[in-house]
Amino acid sequence: MCKEHGQVIDLVGEPMKGFGETTSRGRRRLVSHTEYEVNGEQFMQVKFYISGPKDRATVNVQVKKNDQGRYEYDYLIVKTKFEQIRIK
């Protein structure tokens, strides 16, 4: 998803790597997420990290479950130390 957006590429550069929270064993595979419901609609917020040659960033994504039971992204926020962009 992040690799497809020119604004994100401009922010962190290419090649880009994504990773989750660091575990007690030093691995970075844990992607934090929260599922919730508002007015009968199901949502999920996901948080992970990306890095590239220019910078590193925190990515927050909100997805919404559609009628077919699949999640579609609602918005994507990419935040570096000095800049933040919101997509959609």
C-alpha atoms as a PDB file:
ATOM      1  CA  MET A   1       0.000   0.000   0.000  1.00  0.00           C
ATOM      2  CA  CYS A   2       2.740   2.516   0.963  1.00  0.00           C
ATOM      3  CA  LYS A   3       4.954   1.512  -1.964  1.00  0.00           C
ATOM      4  CA  GLU A   4       2.186   2.515  -4.394  1.00  0.00           C
ATOM      5  CA  HIS A   5       1.847   6.140  -3.241  1.00  0.00           C
ATOM      6  CA  GLY A   6       4.223   8.712  -4.682  1.00  0.00           C
ATOM      7  CA  GLN A   7       3.908  10.966  -1.630  1.00  0.00           C
ATOM      8  CA  VAL A   8       5.143   8.173   0.655  1.00  0.00           C
ATOM      9  CA  ILE A   9       8.004   7.343  -1.714  1.00  0.00           C
ATOM     10  CA  ASP A  10       8.996  11.035  -1.767  1.00  0.00           C
ATOM     11  CA  LEU A  11       8.954  11.082   2.034  1.00  0.00           C
ATOM     12  CA  VAL A  12      11.079   7.995   2.877  1.00  0.00           C
ATOM     13  CA  GLY A  13      12.618   7.006  -0.466  1.00  0.00           C
ATOM     14  CA  GLU A  14      13.136   3.668  -2.182  1.00  0.00           C
ATOM     15  CA  PRO A  15      13.796   0.854  -1.446  1.00  0.00           C
ATOM     16  CA  MET A  16      11.326   0.873   1.421  1.00  0.00           C
ATOM     17  CA  LYS A  17      11.039  -1.675   4.248  1.00  0.00           C
ATOM     18  CA  GLY A  18       8.102  -2.237   6.582  1.00  0.00           C
ATOM     19  CA  PHE A  19       8.164  -3.729  10.067  1.00  0.00           C
ATOM     20  CA  GLY A  20       6.191  -3.978  13.304  1.00  0.00           C
ATOM     21  CA  GLU A  21       6.892  -3.469  16.998  1.00  0.00           C
ATOM     22  CA  THR A  22      10.053  -4.960  18.472  1.00  0.00           C
ATOM     23  CA  THR A  23       9.382  -8.071  20.567  1.00  0.00           C
ATOM     24  CA  SER A  24      11.343  -9.155  23.646  1.00  0.00           C
ATOM     25  CA  ARG A  25      13.417 -11.402  21.354  1.00  0.00           C
ATOM     26  CA  GLY A  26      14.390  -8.443  19.150  1.00  0.00           C
ATOM     27  CA  ARG A  27      12.169  -9.409  16.238  1.00  0.00           C
ATOM     28  CA  ARG A  28      10.020  -6.739  14.561  1.00  0.00           C
ATOM     29  CA  ARG A  29       7.086  -8.784  13.309  1.00  0.00           C
ATOM     30  CA  LEU A  30       4.333  -7.646  15.681  1.00  0.00           C
ATOM     31  CA  VAL A  31       1.987  -5.290  13.808  1.00  0.00           C
ATOM     32  CA  SER A  32      -0.360  -3.702  16.322  1.00  0.00           C
ATOM     33  CA  HIS A  33      -4.032  -3.515  15.401  1.00  0.00           C
ATOM     34  CA  THR A  34      -7.360  -2.724  17.047  1.00  0.00           C
ATOM     35  CA  GLU A  35     -10.750  -3.885  15.825  1.00  0.00           C
ATOM     36  CA  TYR A  36     -13.879  -1.922  16.757  1.00  0.00           C
ATOM     37  CA  GLU A  37     -17.463  -1.268  15.675  1.00  0.00           C
ATOM     38  CA  VAL A  38     -19.254   2.060  15.117  1.00  0.00           C
ATOM     39  CA  ASN A  39     -22.955   2.218  14.228  1.00  0.00           C
ATOM     40  CA  GLY A  40     -22.918  -1.407  13.101  1.00  0.00           C
ATOM     41  CA  GLU A  41     -19.878  -0.987  10.816  1.00  0.00           C
ATOM     42  CA  GLN A  42     -16.658  -2.868  11.557  1.00  0.00           C
ATOM     43  CA  PHE A  43     -13.315  -1.046  11.465  1.00  0.00           C
ATOM     44  CA  MET A  44      -9.704  -1.906  12.174  1.00  0.00           C
ATOM     45  CA  GLN A  45      -6.777   0.402  12.874  1.00  0.00           C
ATOM     46  CA  VAL A  46      -3.305  -0.878  12.058  1.00  0.00           C
ATOM     47  CA  LYS A  47       0.032   0.634  13.051  1.00  0.00           C
ATOM     48  CA  PHE A  48       3.414  -0.294  11.584  1.00  0.00           C
ATOM     49  CA  TYR A  49       6.694   1.327  10.621  1.00  0.00           C
ATOM     50  CA  ILE A  50       8.499   1.941   7.345  1.00  0.00           C
ATOM     51  CA  SER A  51      12.015   3.070   6.563  1.00  0.00           C
ATOM     52  CA  GLY A  52      13.888   4.098   3.453  1.00  0.00           C
ATOM     53  CA  PRO A  53      17.112   5.874   2.540  1.00  0.00           C
ATOM     54  CA  LYS A  54      15.616   9.355   3.174  1.00  0.00           C
ATOM     55  CA  ASP A  55      13.743   8.831   6.451  1.00  0.00           C
ATOM     56  CA  ARG A  56      11.682   6.494   8.608  1.00  0.00           C
ATOM     57  CA  ALA A  57       8.005   6.858   9.487  1.00  0.00           C
ATOM     58  CA  THR A  58       5.091   5.531  11.500  1.00  0.00           C
ATOM     59  CA  VAL A  59       2.114   4.426   9.429  1.00  0.00           C
ATOM     60  CA  ASN A  60      -1.453   4.410  10.750  1.00  0.00           C
ATOM     61  CA  VAL A  61      -4.133   2.841   8.588  1.00  0.00           C
ATOM     62  CA  GLN A  62      -7.866   2.588   9.157  1.00  0.00           C
ATOM     63  CA  VAL A  63      -9.752  -0.038   7.201  1.00  0.00           C
ATOM     64  CA  LYS A  64     -13.486  -0.677   7.009  1.00  0.00           C
ATOM     65  CA  LYS A  65     -15.212  -4.007   6.353  1.00  0.00           C
ATOM     66  CA  ASN A  66     -17.353  -3.902   3.203  1.00  0.00           C
ATOM     67  CA  ASP A  67     -20.519  -5.890   2.385  1.00  0.00           C
ATOM     68  CA  GLN A  68     -18.464  -8.804   1.028  1.00  0.00           C
ATOM     69  CA  GLY A  69     -16.589  -9.116   4.345  1.00  0.00           C
ATOM     70  CA  ARG A  70     -13.319  -7.724   2.957  1.00  0.00           C
ATOM     71  CA  TYR A  71     -11.463  -4.760   4.418  1.00  0.00           C
ATOM     72  CA  GLU A  72     -10.923  -1.632   2.309  1.00  0.00           C
ATOM     73  CA  TYR A  73      -8.676   1.138   3.506  1.00  0.00           C
ATOM     74  CA  ASP A  74     -10.386   4.276   4.730  1.00  0.00           C
ATOM     75  CA  TYR A  75      -7.283   6.413   5.270  1.00  0.00           C
ATOM     76  CA  LEU A  76      -3.515   6.164   5.546  1.00  0.00           C
ATOM     77  CA  ILE A  77      -1.394   8.506   7.671  1.00  0.00           C
ATOM     78  CA  VAL A  78       2.394   8.505   7.325  1.00  0.00           C
ATOM     79  CA  LYS A  79       4.244  10.473   9.997  1.00  0.00           C
ATOM     80  CA  THR A  80       7.958  11.250  10.164  1.00  0.00           C
ATOM     81  CA  LYS A  81       9.669  13.276  12.848  1.00  0.00           C
ATOM     82  CA  PHE A  82       8.979  16.554  11.010  1.00  0.00           C
ATOM     83  CA  GLU A  83       6.222  15.854   8.495  1.00  0.00           C
ATOM     84  CA  GLN A  84       2.857  14.104   8.217  1.00  0.00           C
ATOM     85  CA  ILE A  85       0.773  13.195   5.173  1.00  0.00           C
ATOM     86  CA  ARG A  86      -2.761  11.819   4.991  1.00  0.00           C
ATOM     87  CA  ILE A  87      -3.913   9.843   1.981  1.00  0.00           C
ATOM     88  CA  LYS A  88      -7.647   9.629   1.126  1.00  0.00           C
END
